[in-house]
Amino acid sequence: MRKLAMLALLALAGCGGDNLVLPNEGQPANLAIVRGDRQNGTVGQALPDSLVIRVTDRFNNPVPGAEVTWTADNGGAVDPSTGTTDGAGRAATMRTLGSQPGTYTTQATVTGFAGEPAVFITTGLAAQLAFVTNPGAIATSGVPLDPQPVLQLSDPEGNPIARGGVSVTVQISSGGGTLGGTTTATSDDAGLVTFTDLVI
Protein backbone atom coordinates (compact mmCIF):
# COMPACT_ATOMS: atom_id res chain seq x y z
CA MET A 1 0.00 0.00 0.00
CA ARG A 2 2.82 2.36 0.84
CA LYS A 3 4.49 1.85 -2.54
CA LEU A 4 1.20 2.40 -4.39
CA ALA A 5 0.61 5.66 -2.53
CA MET A 6 4.10 6.89 -3.40
CA LEU A 7 3.60 6.09 -7.10
CA ALA A 8 0.29 7.95 -7.09
CA LEU A 9 1.93 11.03 -5.58
CA LEU A 10 4.71 10.94 -8.20
CA ALA A 11 2.15 10.69 -10.98
CA LEU A 12 0.22 13.68 -9.63
CA ALA A 13 3.42 15.69 -9.31
CA GLY A 14 4.28 14.96 -12.94
CA CYS A 15 0.92 16.25 -14.19
CA GLY A 16 0.89 19.59 -12.40
CA GLY A 17 1.73 23.06 -13.75
CA ASP A 18 0.73 25.12 -16.79
CA ASN A 19 3.99 24.66 -18.71
CA LEU A 20 3.59 21.02 -19.61
CA VAL A 21 5.25 20.37 -23.00
CA LEU A 22 3.80 17.45 -24.92
CA PRO A 23 6.09 15.25 -27.01
CA ASN A 24 6.96 16.96 -30.35
CA GLU A 25 5.12 20.15 -29.45
CA GLY A 26 7.04 23.07 -30.94
CA GLN A 27 9.18 20.75 -33.07
CA PRO A 28 9.04 20.72 -36.90
CA ALA A 29 6.55 18.08 -38.02
CA ASN A 30 5.06 19.53 -41.22
CA LEU A 31 6.60 21.46 -44.10
CA ALA A 32 4.38 23.15 -46.69
CA ILE A 33 4.86 25.42 -49.72
CA VAL A 34 3.00 28.69 -49.22
CA ARG A 35 3.92 30.71 -52.32
CA GLY A 36 6.21 30.81 -55.33
CA ASP A 37 5.87 27.33 -56.82
CA ARG A 38 5.40 26.77 -60.59
CA GLN A 39 6.55 30.22 -61.67
CA ASN A 40 7.85 31.15 -65.10
CA GLY A 41 11.01 33.23 -65.05
CA THR A 42 13.61 34.75 -67.34
CA VAL A 43 16.96 33.00 -67.47
CA GLY A 44 19.67 34.87 -65.62
CA GLN A 45 17.11 36.93 -63.70
CA ALA A 46 15.39 36.74 -60.31
CA LEU A 47 11.88 35.30 -60.23
CA PRO A 48 9.05 37.83 -59.93
CA ASP A 49 7.88 36.34 -56.61
CA SER A 50 9.74 34.94 -53.61
CA LEU A 51 9.64 31.27 -52.54
CA VAL A 52 7.89 30.82 -49.18
CA ILE A 53 7.48 27.79 -46.90
CA ARG A 54 5.69 27.28 -43.58
CA VAL A 55 6.82 24.97 -40.78
CA THR A 56 4.34 23.65 -38.19
CA ASP A 57 4.42 21.12 -35.36
CA ARG A 58 2.20 18.05 -35.15
CA PHE A 59 -0.59 20.18 -33.69
CA ASN A 60 -0.40 22.51 -36.72
CA ASN A 61 1.05 25.32 -34.64
CA PRO A 62 3.71 27.48 -36.34
CA VAL A 63 7.32 26.72 -35.41
CA PRO A 64 9.35 29.94 -35.13
CA GLY A 65 13.14 29.88 -35.20
CA ALA A 66 13.45 26.69 -37.28
CA GLU A 67 16.63 26.62 -39.37
CA VAL A 68 15.97 26.52 -43.12
CA THR A 69 18.50 25.77 -45.87
CA TRP A 70 17.69 26.68 -49.48
CA THR A 71 19.39 24.85 -52.36
CA ALA A 72 19.35 26.05 -55.99
CA ASP A 73 19.41 23.04 -58.33
CA ASN A 74 20.24 23.15 -62.06
CA GLY A 75 22.13 26.45 -61.81
CA GLY A 76 21.42 29.93 -60.54
CA ALA A 77 21.32 31.02 -56.91
CA VAL A 78 19.15 31.72 -53.87
CA ASP A 79 19.30 34.71 -51.51
CA PRO A 80 19.41 34.03 -48.64
CA SER A 81 20.65 30.44 -48.73
CA THR A 82 19.97 29.94 -45.01
CA GLY A 83 17.59 31.50 -42.52
CA THR A 84 15.09 30.89 -39.75
CA THR A 85 11.31 30.85 -39.69
CA ASP A 86 9.45 33.88 -38.32
CA GLY A 87 6.70 33.94 -35.70
CA ALA A 88 4.22 32.54 -38.24
CA GLY A 89 6.55 29.62 -39.02
CA ARG A 90 7.42 31.08 -42.44
CA ALA A 91 10.71 31.51 -44.28
CA ALA A 92 11.40 32.95 -47.73
CA THR A 93 14.12 33.32 -50.33
CA MET A 94 14.54 34.91 -53.76
CA ARG A 95 15.51 32.62 -56.64
CA THR A 96 17.71 33.69 -59.54
CA LEU A 97 17.71 31.33 -62.52
CA GLY A 98 20.71 30.07 -64.43
CA SER A 99 21.61 30.97 -68.02
CA GLN A 100 19.81 28.14 -69.85
CA PRO A 101 16.07 27.80 -70.54
CA GLY A 102 14.46 24.75 -68.97
CA THR A 103 13.25 23.44 -65.62
CA TYR A 104 14.82 24.60 -62.37
CA THR A 105 14.17 23.19 -58.91
CA THR A 106 14.75 24.76 -55.52
CA GLN A 107 14.76 22.75 -52.28
CA ALA A 108 14.00 23.93 -48.76
CA THR A 109 15.21 21.68 -45.95
CA VAL A 110 14.47 22.25 -42.27
CA THR A 111 16.78 21.18 -39.45
CA GLY A 112 15.06 18.63 -37.22
CA PHE A 113 12.39 17.79 -39.80
CA ALA A 114 12.43 14.10 -40.73
CA GLY A 115 10.27 14.37 -43.86
CA GLU A 116 11.08 15.26 -47.45
CA PRO A 117 12.27 18.78 -48.35
CA ALA A 118 9.90 21.23 -50.01
CA VAL A 119 10.63 21.35 -53.75
CA PHE A 120 9.75 24.35 -55.92
CA ILE A 121 9.63 23.91 -59.71
CA THR A 122 10.30 26.82 -62.06
CA THR A 123 10.40 27.15 -65.84
CA GLY A 124 13.20 29.32 -67.17
CA LEU A 125 12.48 31.06 -70.47
CA ALA A 126 14.90 32.67 -72.89
CA ALA A 127 15.61 36.29 -72.06
CA GLN A 128 15.58 37.48 -75.65
CA LEU A 129 14.57 36.54 -79.14
CA ALA A 130 16.76 37.89 -81.91
CA PHE A 131 15.83 37.95 -85.59
CA VAL A 132 18.08 35.84 -87.76
CA THR A 133 15.81 36.46 -90.75
CA ASN A 134 13.42 39.39 -90.70
CA PRO A 135 9.98 38.93 -92.24
CA GLY A 136 9.36 40.57 -95.58
CA ALA A 137 8.99 44.35 -95.34
CA ILE A 138 6.05 44.29 -97.75
CA ALA A 139 3.17 41.87 -97.27
CA THR A 140 0.26 41.09 -99.57
CA SER A 141 -2.98 40.10 -97.89
CA GLY A 142 -3.54 36.35 -98.13
CA VAL A 143 -0.02 35.67 -99.44
CA PRO A 144 2.56 34.00 -97.12
CA LEU A 145 5.30 36.33 -95.90
CA ASP A 146 8.48 36.18 -97.96
CA PRO A 147 10.86 35.60 -96.37
CA GLN A 148 9.40 33.91 -93.31
CA PRO A 149 10.88 35.02 -89.96
CA VAL A 150 13.57 33.00 -88.19
CA LEU A 151 14.42 33.77 -84.55
CA GLN A 152 17.28 32.79 -82.26
CA LEU A 153 17.03 32.18 -78.51
CA SER A 154 19.60 34.26 -76.63
CA ASP A 155 20.68 35.06 -73.08
CA PRO A 156 20.43 38.53 -71.48
CA GLU A 157 23.81 39.45 -73.02
CA GLY A 158 22.63 38.49 -76.51
CA ASN A 159 24.62 35.26 -76.76
CA PRO A 160 22.86 32.46 -78.68
CA ILE A 161 21.33 29.68 -76.59
CA ALA A 162 21.34 26.20 -78.16
CA ARG A 163 18.17 24.75 -76.68
CA GLY A 164 15.46 22.71 -78.40
CA GLY A 165 11.81 22.41 -77.46
CA VAL A 166 11.10 26.05 -76.51
CA SER A 167 7.74 27.21 -77.89
CA VAL A 168 7.51 30.71 -79.35
CA THR A 169 4.27 32.41 -80.41
CA VAL A 170 4.20 35.48 -82.66
CA GLN A 171 1.50 38.10 -83.11
CA ILE A 172 0.99 41.50 -84.71
CA SER A 173 2.17 44.12 -82.23
CA SER A 174 0.80 47.19 -83.99
CA GLY A 175 -1.31 48.14 -86.98
CA GLY A 176 -4.29 46.35 -88.42
CA GLY A 177 -4.79 42.92 -89.89
CA THR A 178 -4.80 39.41 -88.49
CA LEU A 179 -1.83 37.07 -88.48
CA GLY A 180 -2.66 33.65 -89.90
CA GLY A 181 -0.83 30.42 -90.50
CA THR A 182 1.05 28.50 -87.84
CA THR A 183 1.83 31.22 -85.28
CA THR A 184 3.59 28.96 -82.77
CA ALA A 185 6.89 27.24 -83.55
CA THR A 186 9.38 25.24 -81.45
CA SER A 187 13.11 25.86 -81.33
CA ASP A 188 15.47 23.27 -82.78
CA ASP A 189 18.60 21.99 -81.04
CA ALA A 190 20.50 25.12 -82.12
CA GLY A 191 17.88 27.38 -80.55
CA LEU A 192 16.50 28.51 -83.89
CA VAL A 193 12.77 29.12 -84.22
CA THR A 194 11.58 28.95 -87.83
CA PHE A 195 8.15 29.95 -89.10
CA THR A 196 7.01 28.62 -92.46
CA ASP A 197 3.50 29.78 -93.40
CA LEU A 198 2.71 33.06 -91.67
CA VAL A 199 0.27 35.21 -93.60
CA ILE A 200 -1.52 38.49 -92.98
C-alpha atoms as a PDB file:
ATOM      1  CA  MET A   1       0.000   0.000   0.000  1.00  0.00           C
ATOM      2  CA  ARG A   2       2.815   2.358   0.838  1.00  0.00           C
ATOM      3  CA  LYS A   3       4.486   1.853  -2.544  1.00  0.00           C
ATOM      4  CA  LEU A   4       1.199   2.402  -4.391  1.00  0.00           C
ATOM      5  CA  ALA A   5       0.606   5.665  -2.533  1.00  0.00           C
ATOM      6  CA  MET A   6       4.099   6.889  -3.399  1.00  0.00           C
ATOM      7  CA  LEU A   7       3.596   6.086  -7.105  1.00  0.00           C
ATOM      8  CA  ALA A   8       0.294   7.948  -7.090  1.00  0.00           C
ATOM      9  CA  LEU A   9       1.934  11.033  -5.576  1.00  0.00           C
ATOM     10  CA  LEU A  10       4.705  10.938  -8.199  1.00  0.00           C
ATOM     11  CA  ALA A  11       2.147  10.692 -10.984  1.00  0.00           C
ATOM     12  CA  LEU A  12       0.224  13.680  -9.632  1.00  0.00           C
ATOM     13  CA  ALA A  13       3.420  15.688  -9.309  1.00  0.00           C
ATOM     14  CA  GLY A  14       4.279  14.963 -12.944  1.00  0.00           C
ATOM     15  CA  CYS A  15       0.919  16.251 -14.190  1.00  0.00           C
ATOM     16  CA  GLY A  16       0.895  19.593 -12.403  1.00  0.00           C
ATOM     17  CA  GLY A  17       1.725  23.058 -13.755  1.00  0.00           C
ATOM     18  CA  ASP A  18       0.729  25.124 -16.791  1.00  0.00           C
ATOM     19  CA  ASN A  19       3.995  24.659 -18.714  1.00  0.00           C
ATOM     20  CA  LEU A  20       3.588  21.016 -19.614  1.00  0.00           C
ATOM     21  CA  VAL A  21       5.245  20.370 -23.004  1.00  0.00           C
ATOM     22  CA  LEU A  22       3.800  17.452 -24.923  1.00  0.00           C
ATOM     23  CA  PRO A  23       6.087  15.253 -27.015  1.00  0.00           C
ATOM     24  CA  ASN A  24       6.962  16.963 -30.348  1.00  0.00           C
ATOM     25  CA  GLU A  25       5.117  20.149 -29.454  1.00  0.00           C
ATOM     26  CA  GLY A  26       7.037  23.067 -30.936  1.00  0.00           C
ATOM     27  CA  GLN A  27       9.183  20.747 -33.069  1.00  0.00           C
ATOM     28  CA  PRO A  28       9.040  20.719 -36.904  1.00  0.00           C
ATOM     29  CA  ALA A  29       6.548  18.077 -38.019  1.00  0.00           C
ATOM     30  CA  ASN A  30       5.064  19.530 -41.221  1.00  0.00           C
ATOM     31  CA  LEU A  31       6.603  21.461 -44.099  1.00  0.00           C
ATOM     32  CA  ALA A  32       4.380  23.152 -46.688  1.00  0.00           C
ATOM     33  CA  ILE A  33       4.863  25.416 -49.716  1.00  0.00           C
ATOM     34  CA  VAL A  34       2.999  28.695 -49.221  1.00  0.00           C
ATOM     35  CA  ARG A  35       3.917  30.709 -52.320  1.00  0.00           C
ATOM     36  CA  GLY A  36       6.211  30.811 -55.332  1.00  0.00           C
ATOM     37  CA  ASP A  37       5.873  27.327 -56.825  1.00  0.00           C
ATOM     38  CA  ARG A  38       5.396  26.769 -60.588  1.00  0.00           C
ATOM     39  CA  GLN A  39       6.549  30.224 -61.665  1.00  0.00           C
ATOM     40  CA  ASN A  40       7.850  31.147 -65.099  1.00  0.00           C
ATOM     41  CA  GLY A  41      11.011  33.226 -65.051  1.00  0.00           C
ATOM     42  CA  THR A  42      13.608  34.751 -67.336  1.00  0.00           C
ATOM     43  CA  VAL A  43      16.961  32.997 -67.468  1.00  0.00           C
ATOM     44  CA  GLY A  44      19.671  34.867 -65.617  1.00  0.00           C
ATOM     45  CA  GLN A  45      17.113  36.925 -63.701  1.00  0.00           C
ATOM     46  CA  ALA A  46      15.388  36.741 -60.308  1.00  0.00           C
ATOM     47  CA  LEU A  47      11.880  35.298 -60.234  1.00  0.00           C
ATOM     48  CA  PRO A  48       9.053  37.835 -59.926  1.00  0.00           C
ATOM     49  CA  ASP A  49       7.878  36.345 -56.610  1.00  0.00           C
ATOM     50  CA  SER A  50       9.739  34.940 -53.606  1.00  0.00           C
ATOM     51  CA  LEU A  51       9.641  31.271 -52.537  1.00  0.00           C
ATOM     52  CA  VAL A  52       7.892  30.816 -49.184  1.00  0.00           C
ATOM     53  CA  ILE A  53       7.482  27.786 -46.899  1.00  0.00           C
ATOM     54  CA  ARG A  54       5.688  27.276 -43.579  1.00  0.00           C
ATOM     55  CA  VAL A  55       6.823  24.965 -40.781  1.00  0.00           C
ATOM     56  CA  THR A  56       4.344  23.652 -38.190  1.00  0.00           C
ATOM     57  CA  ASP A  57       4.419  21.124 -35.358  1.00  0.00           C
ATOM     58  CA  ARG A  58       2.201  18.051 -35.147  1.00  0.00           C
ATOM     59  CA  PHE A  59      -0.594  20.179 -33.690  1.00  0.00           C
ATOM     60  CA  ASN A  60      -0.401  22.506 -36.718  1.00  0.00           C
ATOM     61  CA  ASN A  61       1.050  25.321 -34.641  1.00  0.00           C
ATOM     62  CA  PRO A  62       3.712  27.480 -36.340  1.00  0.00           C
ATOM     63  CA  VAL A  63       7.322  26.725 -35.407  1.00  0.00           C
ATOM     64  CA  PRO A  64       9.350  29.940 -35.135  1.00  0.00           C
ATOM     65  CA  GLY A  65      13.139  29.881 -35.204  1.00  0.00           C
ATOM     66  CA  ALA A  66      13.446  26.693 -37.282  1.00  0.00           C
ATOM     67  CA  GLU A  67      16.631  26.623 -39.372  1.00  0.00           C
ATOM     68  CA  VAL A  68      15.973  26.519 -43.119  1.00  0.00           C
ATOM     69  CA  THR A  69      18.498  25.774 -45.868  1.00  0.00           C
ATOM     70  CA  TRP A  70      17.690  26.677 -49.478  1.00  0.00           C
ATOM     71  CA  THR A  71      19.395  24.853 -52.360  1.00  0.00           C
ATOM     72  CA  ALA A  72      19.350  26.050 -55.985  1.00  0.00           C
ATOM     73  CA  ASP A  73      19.413  23.043 -58.334  1.00  0.00           C
ATOM     74  CA  ASN A  74      20.240  23.153 -62.056  1.00  0.00           C
ATOM     75  CA  GLY A  75      22.129  26.450 -61.812  1.00  0.00           C
ATOM     76  CA  GLY A  76      21.416  29.929 -60.541  1.00  0.00           C
ATOM     77  CA  ALA A  77      21.322  31.021 -56.909  1.00  0.00           C
ATOM     78  CA  VAL A  78      19.147  31.721 -53.871  1.00  0.00           C
ATOM     79  CA  ASP A  79      19.303  34.707 -51.512  1.00  0.00           C
ATOM     80  CA  PRO A  80      19.406  34.028 -48.636  1.00  0.00           C
ATOM     81  CA  SER A  81      20.651  30.439 -48.733  1.00  0.00           C
ATOM     82  CA  THR A  82      19.968  29.940 -45.011  1.00  0.00           C
ATOM     83  CA  GLY A  83      17.595  31.504 -42.522  1.00  0.00           C
ATOM     84  CA  THR A  84      15.090  30.886 -39.748  1.00  0.00           C
ATOM     85  CA  THR A  85      11.310  30.853 -39.688  1.00  0.00           C
ATOM     86  CA  ASP A  86       9.451  33.879 -38.323  1.00  0.00           C
ATOM     87  CA  GLY A  87       6.700  33.935 -35.698  1.00  0.00           C
ATOM     88  CA  ALA A  88       4.225  32.540 -38.241  1.00  0.00           C
ATOM     89  CA  GLY A  89       6.554  29.621 -39.022  1.00  0.00           C
ATOM     90  CA  ARG A  90       7.425  31.081 -42.440  1.00  0.00           C
ATOM     91  CA  ALA A  91      10.713  31.510 -44.278  1.00  0.00           C
ATOM     92  CA  ALA A  92      11.397  32.947 -47.732  1.00  0.00           C
ATOM     93  CA  THR A  93      14.124  33.319 -50.332  1.00  0.00           C
ATOM     94  CA  MET A  94      14.545  34.908 -53.758  1.00  0.00           C
ATOM     95  CA  ARG A  95      15.514  32.617 -56.638  1.00  0.00           C
ATOM     96  CA  THR A  96      17.706  33.686 -59.545  1.00  0.00           C
ATOM     97  CA  LEU A  97      17.706  31.326 -62.521  1.00  0.00           C
ATOM     98  CA  GLY A  98      20.709  30.068 -64.431  1.00  0.00           C
ATOM     99  CA  SER A  99      21.610  30.970 -68.016  1.00  0.00           C
ATOM    100  CA  GLN A 100      19.813  28.139 -69.852  1.00  0.00           C
ATOM    101  CA  PRO A 101      16.072  27.802 -70.543  1.00  0.00           C
ATOM    102  CA  GLY A 102      14.458  24.754 -68.966  1.00  0.00           C
ATOM    103  CA  THR A 103      13.246  23.437 -65.624  1.00  0.00           C
ATOM    104  CA  TYR A 104      14.816  24.605 -62.373  1.00  0.00           C
ATOM    105  CA  THR A 105      14.170  23.187 -58.908  1.00  0.00           C
ATOM    106  CA  THR A 106      14.750  24.758 -55.516  1.00  0.00           C
ATOM    107  CA  GLN A 107      14.760  22.749 -52.281  1.00  0.00           C
ATOM    108  CA  ALA A 108      14.001  23.935 -48.762  1.00  0.00           C
ATOM    109  CA  THR A 109      15.206  21.675 -45.946  1.00  0.00           C
ATOM    110  CA  VAL A 110      14.474  22.253 -42.267  1.00  0.00           C
ATOM    111  CA  THR A 111      16.780  21.185 -39.448  1.00  0.00           C
ATOM    112  CA  GLY A 112      15.062  18.626 -37.218  1.00  0.00           C
ATOM    113  CA  PHE A 113      12.392  17.787 -39.797  1.00  0.00           C
ATOM    114  CA  ALA A 114      12.430  14.096 -40.728  1.00  0.00           C
ATOM    115  CA  GLY A 115      10.266  14.374 -43.860  1.00  0.00           C
ATOM    116  CA  GLU A 116      11.075  15.264 -47.450  1.00  0.00           C
ATOM    117  CA  PRO A 117      12.268  18.775 -48.347  1.00  0.00           C
ATOM    118  CA  ALA A 118       9.899  21.228 -50.006  1.00  0.00           C
ATOM    119  CA  VAL A 119      10.629  21.347 -53.749  1.00  0.00           C
ATOM    120  CA  PHE A 120       9.752  24.352 -55.921  1.00  0.00           C
ATOM    121  CA  ILE A 121       9.635  23.914 -59.710  1.00  0.00           C
ATOM    122  CA  THR A 122      10.304  26.824 -62.058  1.00  0.00           C
ATOM    123  CA  THR A 123      10.404  27.149 -65.839  1.00  0.00           C
ATOM    124  CA  GLY A 124      13.205  29.324 -67.166  1.00  0.00           C
ATOM    125  CA  LEU A 125      12.478  31.058 -70.466  1.00  0.00           C
ATOM    126  CA  ALA A 126      14.902  32.672 -72.887  1.00  0.00           C
ATOM    127  CA  ALA A 127      15.609  36.290 -72.065  1.00  0.00           C
ATOM    128  CA  GLN A 128      15.580  37.482 -75.649  1.00  0.00           C
ATOM    129  CA  LEU A 129      14.566  36.545 -79.139  1.00  0.00           C
ATOM    130  CA  ALA A 130      16.763  37.893 -81.907  1.00  0.00           C
ATOM    131  CA  PHE A 131      15.833  37.955 -85.592  1.00  0.00           C
ATOM    132  CA  VAL A 132      18.084  35.843 -87.762  1.00  0.00           C
ATOM    133  CA  THR A 133      15.813  36.455 -90.751  1.00  0.00           C
ATOM    134  CA  ASN A 134      13.424  39.393 -90.697  1.00  0.00           C
ATOM    135  CA  PRO A 135       9.982  38.928 -92.244  1.00  0.00           C
ATOM    136  CA  GLY A 136       9.359  40.570 -95.577  1.00  0.00           C
ATOM    137  CA  ALA A 137       8.992  44.351 -95.344  1.00  0.00           C
ATOM    138  CA  ILE A 138       6.051  44.290 -97.753  1.00  0.00           C
ATOM    139  CA  ALA A 139       3.174  41.865 -97.269  1.00  0.00           C
ATOM    140  CA  THR A 140       0.263  41.094 -99.570  1.00  0.00           C
ATOM    141  CA  SER A 141      -2.977  40.096 -97.886  1.00  0.00           C
ATOM    142  CA  GLY A 142      -3.537  36.349 -98.129  1.00  0.00           C
ATOM    143  CA  VAL A 143      -0.017  35.668 -99.436  1.00  0.00           C
ATOM    144  CA  PRO A 144       2.561  34.002 -97.124  1.00  0.00           C
ATOM    145  CA  LEU A 145       5.303  36.331 -95.902  1.00  0.00           C
ATOM    146  CA  ASP A 146       8.477  36.176 -97.964  1.00  0.00           C
ATOM    147  CA  PRO A 147      10.857  35.601 -96.368  1.00  0.00           C
ATOM    148  CA  GLN A 148       9.401  33.913 -93.313  1.00  0.00           C
ATOM    149  CA  PRO A 149      10.884  35.021 -89.957  1.00  0.00           C
ATOM    150  CA  VAL A 150      13.568  33.005 -88.191  1.00  0.00           C
ATOM    151  CA  LEU A 151      14.419  33.769 -84.549  1.00  0.00           C
ATOM    152  CA  GLN A 152      17.280  32.792 -82.256  1.00  0.00           C
ATOM    153  CA  LEU A 153      17.034  32.175 -78.510  1.00  0.00           C
ATOM    154  CA  SER A 154      19.603  34.256 -76.631  1.00  0.00           C
ATOM    155  CA  ASP A 155      20.682  35.058 -73.077  1.00  0.00           C
ATOM    156  CA  PRO A 156      20.435  38.532 -71.485  1.00  0.00           C
ATOM    157  CA  GLU A 157      23.814  39.448 -73.019  1.00  0.00           C
ATOM    158  CA  GLY A 158      22.633  38.489 -76.505  1.00  0.00           C
ATOM    159  CA  ASN A 159      24.625  35.262 -76.758  1.00  0.00           C
ATOM    160  CA  PRO A 160      22.863  32.463 -78.676  1.00  0.00           C
ATOM    161  CA  ILE A 161      21.334  29.681 -76.592  1.00  0.00           C
ATOM    162  CA  ALA A 162      21.344  26.205 -78.157  1.00  0.00           C
ATOM    163  CA  ARG A 163      18.167  24.753 -76.681  1.00  0.00           C
ATOM    164  CA  GLY A 164      15.462  22.711 -78.397  1.00  0.00           C
ATOM    165  CA  GLY A 165      11.808  22.407 -77.461  1.00  0.00           C
ATOM    166  CA  VAL A 166      11.102  26.045 -76.512  1.00  0.00           C
ATOM    167  CA  SER A 167       7.742  27.210 -77.892  1.00  0.00           C
ATOM    168  CA  VAL A 168       7.512  30.713 -79.346  1.00  0.00           C
ATOM    169  CA  THR A 169       4.272  32.406 -80.412  1.00  0.00           C
ATOM    170  CA  VAL A 170       4.198  35.484 -82.659  1.00  0.00           C
ATOM    171  CA  GLN A 171       1.498  38.101 -83.106  1.00  0.00           C
ATOM    172  CA  ILE A 172       0.991  41.502 -84.709  1.00  0.00           C
ATOM    173  CA  SER A 173       2.173  44.118 -82.233  1.00  0.00           C
ATOM    174  CA  SER A 174       0.796  47.185 -83.990  1.00  0.00           C
ATOM    175  CA  GLY A 175      -1.313  48.143 -86.976  1.00  0.00           C
ATOM    176  CA  GLY A 176      -4.287  46.346 -88.421  1.00  0.00           C
ATOM    177  CA  GLY A 177      -4.787  42.919 -89.887  1.00  0.00           C
ATOM    178  CA  THR A 178      -4.797  39.406 -88.490  1.00  0.00           C
ATOM    179  CA  LEU A 179      -1.831  37.071 -88.481  1.00  0.00           C
ATOM    180  CA  GLY A 180      -2.656  33.647 -89.898  1.00  0.00           C
ATOM    181  CA  GLY A 181      -0.833  30.416 -90.499  1.00  0.00           C
ATOM    182  CA  THR A 182       1.052  28.495 -87.839  1.00  0.00           C
ATOM    183  CA  THR A 183       1.828  31.217 -85.284  1.00  0.00           C
ATOM    184  CA  THR A 184       3.592  28.959 -82.766  1.00  0.00           C
ATOM    185  CA  ALA A 185       6.893  27.237 -83.545  1.00  0.00           C
ATOM    186  CA  THR A 186       9.378  25.245 -81.455  1.00  0.00           C
ATOM    187  CA  SER A 187      13.108  25.860 -81.326  1.00  0.00           C
ATOM    188  CA  ASP A 188      15.470  23.265 -82.781  1.00  0.00           C
ATOM    189  CA  ASP A 189      18.598  21.990 -81.040  1.00  0.00           C
ATOM    190  CA  ALA A 190      20.497  25.116 -82.118  1.00  0.00           C
ATOM    191  CA  GLY A 191      17.884  27.381 -80.545  1.00  0.00           C
ATOM    192  CA  LEU A 192      16.505  28.506 -83.892  1.00  0.00           C
ATOM    193  CA  VAL A 193      12.767  29.121 -84.217  1.00  0.00           C
ATOM    194  CA  THR A 194      11.581  28.949 -87.830  1.00  0.00           C
ATOM    195  CA  PHE A 195       8.147  29.947 -89.098  1.00  0.00           C
ATOM    196  CA  THR A 196       7.007  28.619 -92.460  1.00  0.00           C
ATOM    197  CA  ASP A 197       3.500  29.784 -93.399  1.00  0.00           C
ATOM    198  CA  LEU A 198       2.710  33.062 -91.666  1.00  0.00           C
ATOM    199  CA  VAL A 199       0.273  35.214 -93.600  1.00  0.00           C
ATOM    200  CA  ILE A 200      -1.525  38.490 -92.981  1.00  0.00           C
END
